[in-house]
């Protein structure tokens, strides 16, 4: 089941199975997707954040973190998308466009199994940080 929703940063596909998203976007099935959640309790189950960075992670907005276990996770806070995500523990997420192309709303609606929102826009992409036990490296 692929949902088309307005995320906190852009229009995106969401699903419990990242292979469905990759197939819809016409990219390799093994390519990992971002995990989004609305709850910090779920984040604690998915990855262990080094104690040194816990406050930074909690206070960050529109930021994705690559954890030492190689999972990319973003906690969505203070937006409409948080309400949708709170129905699920977590979902895989990716922008609603073909691999390497711009957003096309008609195509995205045709690929999605369920359209959650009616109005879509592209905002600034999320910041990305890679976390290790001792370092924090900004990637985007």
C-alpha atoms as a PDB file:
ATOM      1  CA  UNK A   1       0.000   0.000   0.000  1.00  0.00           C
ATOM      2  CA  UNK A   2       1.560   3.296  -1.127  1.00  0.00           C
ATOM      3  CA  UNK A   3       0.259   6.547   0.342  1.00  0.00           C
ATOM      4  CA  UNK A   4       0.766   9.908  -1.379  1.00  0.00           C
ATOM      5  CA  UNK A   5       0.984  12.628   1.259  1.00  0.00           C
ATOM      6  CA  UNK A   6       2.361  16.101   1.799  1.00  0.00           C
ATOM      7  CA  UNK A   7       5.253  15.476   4.159  1.00  0.00           C
ATOM      8  CA  UNK A   8       6.993  18.134   6.219  1.00  0.00           C
ATOM      9  CA  UNK A   9       9.380  18.867   3.320  1.00  0.00           C
ATOM     10  CA  UNK A  10       7.821  17.738   0.019  1.00  0.00           C
ATOM     11  CA  UNK A  11       5.148  15.535  -1.532  1.00  0.00           C
ATOM     12  CA  UNK A  12       6.126  11.980  -0.722  1.00  0.00           C
ATOM     13  CA  UNK A  13       5.322   8.303  -1.057  1.00  0.00           C
ATOM     14  CA  UNK A  14       4.924   6.429   2.233  1.00  0.00           C
ATOM     15  CA  UNK A  15       4.662   2.686   2.777  1.00  0.00           C
ATOM     16  CA  UNK A  16       5.517  -0.096   5.221  1.00  0.00           C
ATOM     17  CA  UNK A  17       7.443  -1.828   2.384  1.00  0.00           C
ATOM     18  CA  UNK A  18      10.308   0.146   0.829  1.00  0.00           C
ATOM     19  CA  UNK A  19      10.418  -2.232  -2.154  1.00  0.00           C
ATOM     20  CA  UNK A  20       6.957  -1.016  -3.220  1.00  0.00           C
ATOM     21  CA  UNK A  21       8.205   2.578  -3.200  1.00  0.00           C
ATOM     22  CA  UNK A  22      11.333   1.656  -5.167  1.00  0.00           C
ATOM     23  CA  UNK A  23       9.266  -0.244  -7.750  1.00  0.00           C
ATOM     24  CA  UNK A  24       6.867   2.705  -8.151  1.00  0.00           C
ATOM     25  CA  UNK A  25       9.771   5.139  -8.582  1.00  0.00           C
ATOM     26  CA  UNK A  26      11.481   2.833 -11.097  1.00  0.00           C
ATOM     27  CA  UNK A  27      14.724   2.510  -9.162  1.00  0.00           C
ATOM     28  CA  UNK A  28      16.656  -0.515  -7.921  1.00  0.00           C
ATOM     29  CA  UNK A  29      14.737  -2.542  -5.341  1.00  0.00           C
ATOM     30  CA  UNK A  30      17.658  -2.741  -2.942  1.00  0.00           C
ATOM     31  CA  UNK A  31      18.020   1.024  -2.526  1.00  0.00           C
ATOM     32  CA  UNK A  32      17.188   1.935   1.081  1.00  0.00           C
ATOM     33  CA  UNK A  33      14.513   4.502   1.934  1.00  0.00           C
ATOM     34  CA  UNK A  34      14.216   6.993   4.741  1.00  0.00           C
ATOM     35  CA  UNK A  35      12.176   5.953   7.788  1.00  0.00           C
ATOM     36  CA  UNK A  36       9.786   8.571   9.170  1.00  0.00           C
ATOM     37  CA  UNK A  37       8.023   8.499  12.511  1.00  0.00           C
ATOM     38  CA  UNK A  38       6.116  10.904  14.730  1.00  0.00           C
ATOM     39  CA  UNK A  39       7.188   9.322  18.028  1.00  0.00           C
ATOM     40  CA  UNK A  40      10.533   9.364  19.804  1.00  0.00           C
ATOM     41  CA  UNK A  41       9.638   6.073  21.486  1.00  0.00           C
ATOM     42  CA  UNK A  42       9.658   4.431  18.045  1.00  0.00           C
ATOM     43  CA  UNK A  43      13.001   6.063  17.240  1.00  0.00           C
ATOM     44  CA  UNK A  44      14.470   4.407  20.335  1.00  0.00           C
ATOM     45  CA  UNK A  45      13.333   0.998  19.019  1.00  0.00           C
ATOM     46  CA  UNK A  46      14.772   1.560  15.529  1.00  0.00           C
ATOM     47  CA  UNK A  47      18.194   2.990  16.364  1.00  0.00           C
ATOM     48  CA  UNK A  48      20.392   3.846  19.296  1.00  0.00           C
ATOM     49  CA  UNK A  49      21.457   7.471  19.354  1.00  0.00           C
ATOM     50  CA  UNK A  50      24.758   8.216  21.094  1.00  0.00           C
ATOM     51  CA  UNK A  51      24.096  10.005  24.385  1.00  0.00           C
ATOM     52  CA  UNK A  52      26.194  12.939  23.227  1.00  0.00           C
ATOM     53  CA  UNK A  53      23.673  13.840  20.475  1.00  0.00           C
ATOM     54  CA  UNK A  54      20.292  13.036  22.045  1.00  0.00           C
ATOM     55  CA  UNK A  55      19.362  16.673  22.781  1.00  0.00           C
ATOM     56  CA  UNK A  56      20.445  17.765  19.304  1.00  0.00           C
ATOM     57  CA  UNK A  57      18.277  15.057  17.716  1.00  0.00           C
ATOM     58  CA  UNK A  58      15.274  15.894  19.892  1.00  0.00           C
ATOM     59  CA  UNK A  59      15.425  19.621  19.088  1.00  0.00           C
ATOM     60  CA  UNK A  60      16.080  19.294  15.354  1.00  0.00           C
ATOM     61  CA  UNK A  61      13.376  20.208  12.849  1.00  0.00           C
ATOM     62  CA  UNK A  62      13.189  18.837   9.294  1.00  0.00           C
ATOM     63  CA  UNK A  63      16.392  16.882   9.830  1.00  0.00           C
ATOM     64  CA  UNK A  64      17.287  13.323   8.855  1.00  0.00           C
ATOM     65  CA  UNK A  65      19.920  11.398  10.792  1.00  0.00           C
ATOM     66  CA  UNK A  66      21.975   8.481   9.487  1.00  0.00           C
ATOM     67  CA  UNK A  67      22.599   6.286  12.528  1.00  0.00           C
ATOM     68  CA  UNK A  68      25.525   3.897  13.110  1.00  0.00           C
ATOM     69  CA  UNK A  69      23.240   0.948  12.187  1.00  0.00           C
ATOM     70  CA  UNK A  70      22.943   2.545   8.692  1.00  0.00           C
ATOM     71  CA  UNK A  71      19.277   3.511   9.068  1.00  0.00           C
ATOM     72  CA  UNK A  72      18.175   6.973   7.963  1.00  0.00           C
ATOM     73  CA  UNK A  73      15.425   8.203  10.299  1.00  0.00           C
ATOM     74  CA  UNK A  74      13.533  11.484  10.597  1.00  0.00           C
ATOM     75  CA  UNK A  75      11.146  12.325  13.437  1.00  0.00           C
ATOM     76  CA  UNK A  76       8.378  14.576  12.103  1.00  0.00           C
ATOM     77  CA  UNK A  77       7.172  17.224  14.546  1.00  0.00           C
ATOM     78  CA  UNK A  78       4.847  20.220  14.611  1.00  0.00           C
ATOM     79  CA  UNK A  79       3.155  19.842  11.221  1.00  0.00           C
ATOM     80  CA  UNK A  80       0.039  18.303   9.661  1.00  0.00           C
ATOM     81  CA  UNK A  81       2.003  15.273   8.481  1.00  0.00           C
ATOM     82  CA  UNK A  82       2.638  14.315  12.112  1.00  0.00           C
ATOM     83  CA  UNK A  83      -1.080  13.530  12.540  1.00  0.00           C
ATOM     84  CA  UNK A  84      -1.011  11.084   9.634  1.00  0.00           C
ATOM     85  CA  UNK A  85       2.199   9.410  10.829  1.00  0.00           C
ATOM     86  CA  UNK A  86       0.883   9.018  14.375  1.00  0.00           C
ATOM     87  CA  UNK A  87      -1.583   6.397  13.047  1.00  0.00           C
ATOM     88  CA  UNK A  88       1.430   4.196  12.241  1.00  0.00           C
ATOM     89  CA  UNK A  89       4.535   3.507  14.287  1.00  0.00           C
ATOM     90  CA  UNK A  90       6.760   4.310  11.313  1.00  0.00           C
ATOM     91  CA  UNK A  91       6.705   4.340   7.512  1.00  0.00           C
ATOM     92  CA  UNK A  92       9.312   4.292   4.779  1.00  0.00           C
ATOM     93  CA  UNK A  93       9.317   7.578   2.897  1.00  0.00           C
ATOM     94  CA  UNK A  94      10.638   8.918  -0.394  1.00  0.00           C
ATOM     95  CA  UNK A  95       9.857  11.925  -2.566  1.00  0.00           C
ATOM     96  CA  UNK A  96       6.924  11.389  -4.933  1.00  0.00           C
ATOM     97  CA  UNK A  97       8.790  11.565  -8.224  1.00  0.00           C
ATOM     98  CA  UNK A  98      10.429   9.228 -10.693  1.00  0.00           C
ATOM     99  CA  UNK A  99      14.070   8.506  -9.930  1.00  0.00           C
ATOM    100  CA  UNK A 100      16.065  11.659 -10.749  1.00  0.00           C
ATOM    101  CA  UNK A 101      13.073  13.639 -12.083  1.00  0.00           C
ATOM    102  CA  UNK A 102      10.982  16.603 -10.876  1.00  0.00           C
ATOM    103  CA  UNK A 103       7.668  16.158  -9.055  1.00  0.00           C
ATOM    104  CA  UNK A 104       4.729  15.426 -11.392  1.00  0.00           C
ATOM    105  CA  UNK A 105       1.451  15.428  -9.464  1.00  0.00           C
ATOM    106  CA  UNK A 106      -0.563  13.550 -12.121  1.00  0.00           C
ATOM    107  CA  UNK A 107       2.002  10.730 -12.241  1.00  0.00           C
ATOM    108  CA  UNK A 108       2.273  10.570  -8.442  1.00  0.00           C
ATOM    109  CA  UNK A 109      -1.517  10.299  -8.053  1.00  0.00           C
ATOM    110  CA  UNK A 110      -1.657   7.496 -10.640  1.00  0.00           C
ATOM    111  CA  UNK A 111       1.031   5.453  -8.842  1.00  0.00           C
ATOM    112  CA  UNK A 112      -0.273   5.888  -5.266  1.00  0.00           C
ATOM    113  CA  UNK A 113      -2.831   3.473  -3.829  1.00  0.00           C
ATOM    114  CA  UNK A 114      -4.259   6.136  -1.518  1.00  0.00           C
ATOM    115  CA  UNK A 115      -3.986   9.932  -1.730  1.00  0.00           C
ATOM    116  CA  UNK A 116      -3.936  11.417   1.779  1.00  0.00           C
ATOM    117  CA  UNK A 117      -3.751  15.164   1.016  1.00  0.00           C
ATOM    118  CA  UNK A 118      -5.151  17.338  -1.764  1.00  0.00           C
ATOM    119  CA  UNK A 119      -2.557  20.115  -2.045  1.00  0.00           C
ATOM    120  CA  UNK A 120       1.114  19.344  -2.701  1.00  0.00           C
ATOM    121  CA  UNK A 121       4.214  21.529  -2.760  1.00  0.00           C
ATOM    122  CA  UNK A 122       7.981  21.129  -2.726  1.00  0.00           C
ATOM    123  CA  UNK A 123       9.804  22.782   0.149  1.00  0.00           C
ATOM    124  CA  UNK A 124      13.469  22.854   1.119  1.00  0.00           C
ATOM    125  CA  UNK A 125      14.844  19.319   1.483  1.00  0.00           C
ATOM    126  CA  UNK A 126      15.656  18.091   4.965  1.00  0.00           C
ATOM    127  CA  UNK A 127      19.118  18.511   6.424  1.00  0.00           C
ATOM    128  CA  UNK A 128      21.051  15.256   6.688  1.00  0.00           C
ATOM    129  CA  UNK A 129      23.573  14.424   9.414  1.00  0.00           C
ATOM    130  CA  UNK A 130      25.610  11.248   9.765  1.00  0.00           C
ATOM    131  CA  UNK A 131      26.094  10.222  13.380  1.00  0.00           C
ATOM    132  CA  UNK A 132      28.872   8.042  14.721  1.00  0.00           C
ATOM    133  CA  UNK A 133      29.820   7.473  18.351  1.00  0.00           C
ATOM    134  CA  UNK A 134      32.236  10.389  18.326  1.00  0.00           C
ATOM    135  CA  UNK A 135      31.399  12.558  15.291  1.00  0.00           C
ATOM    136  CA  UNK A 136      28.503  14.386  13.716  1.00  0.00           C
ATOM    137  CA  UNK A 137      29.001  15.089  10.009  1.00  0.00           C
ATOM    138  CA  UNK A 138      26.685  17.302   7.951  1.00  0.00           C
ATOM    139  CA  UNK A 139      25.955  15.681   4.594  1.00  0.00           C
ATOM    140  CA  UNK A 140      23.315  18.102   3.240  1.00  0.00           C
END
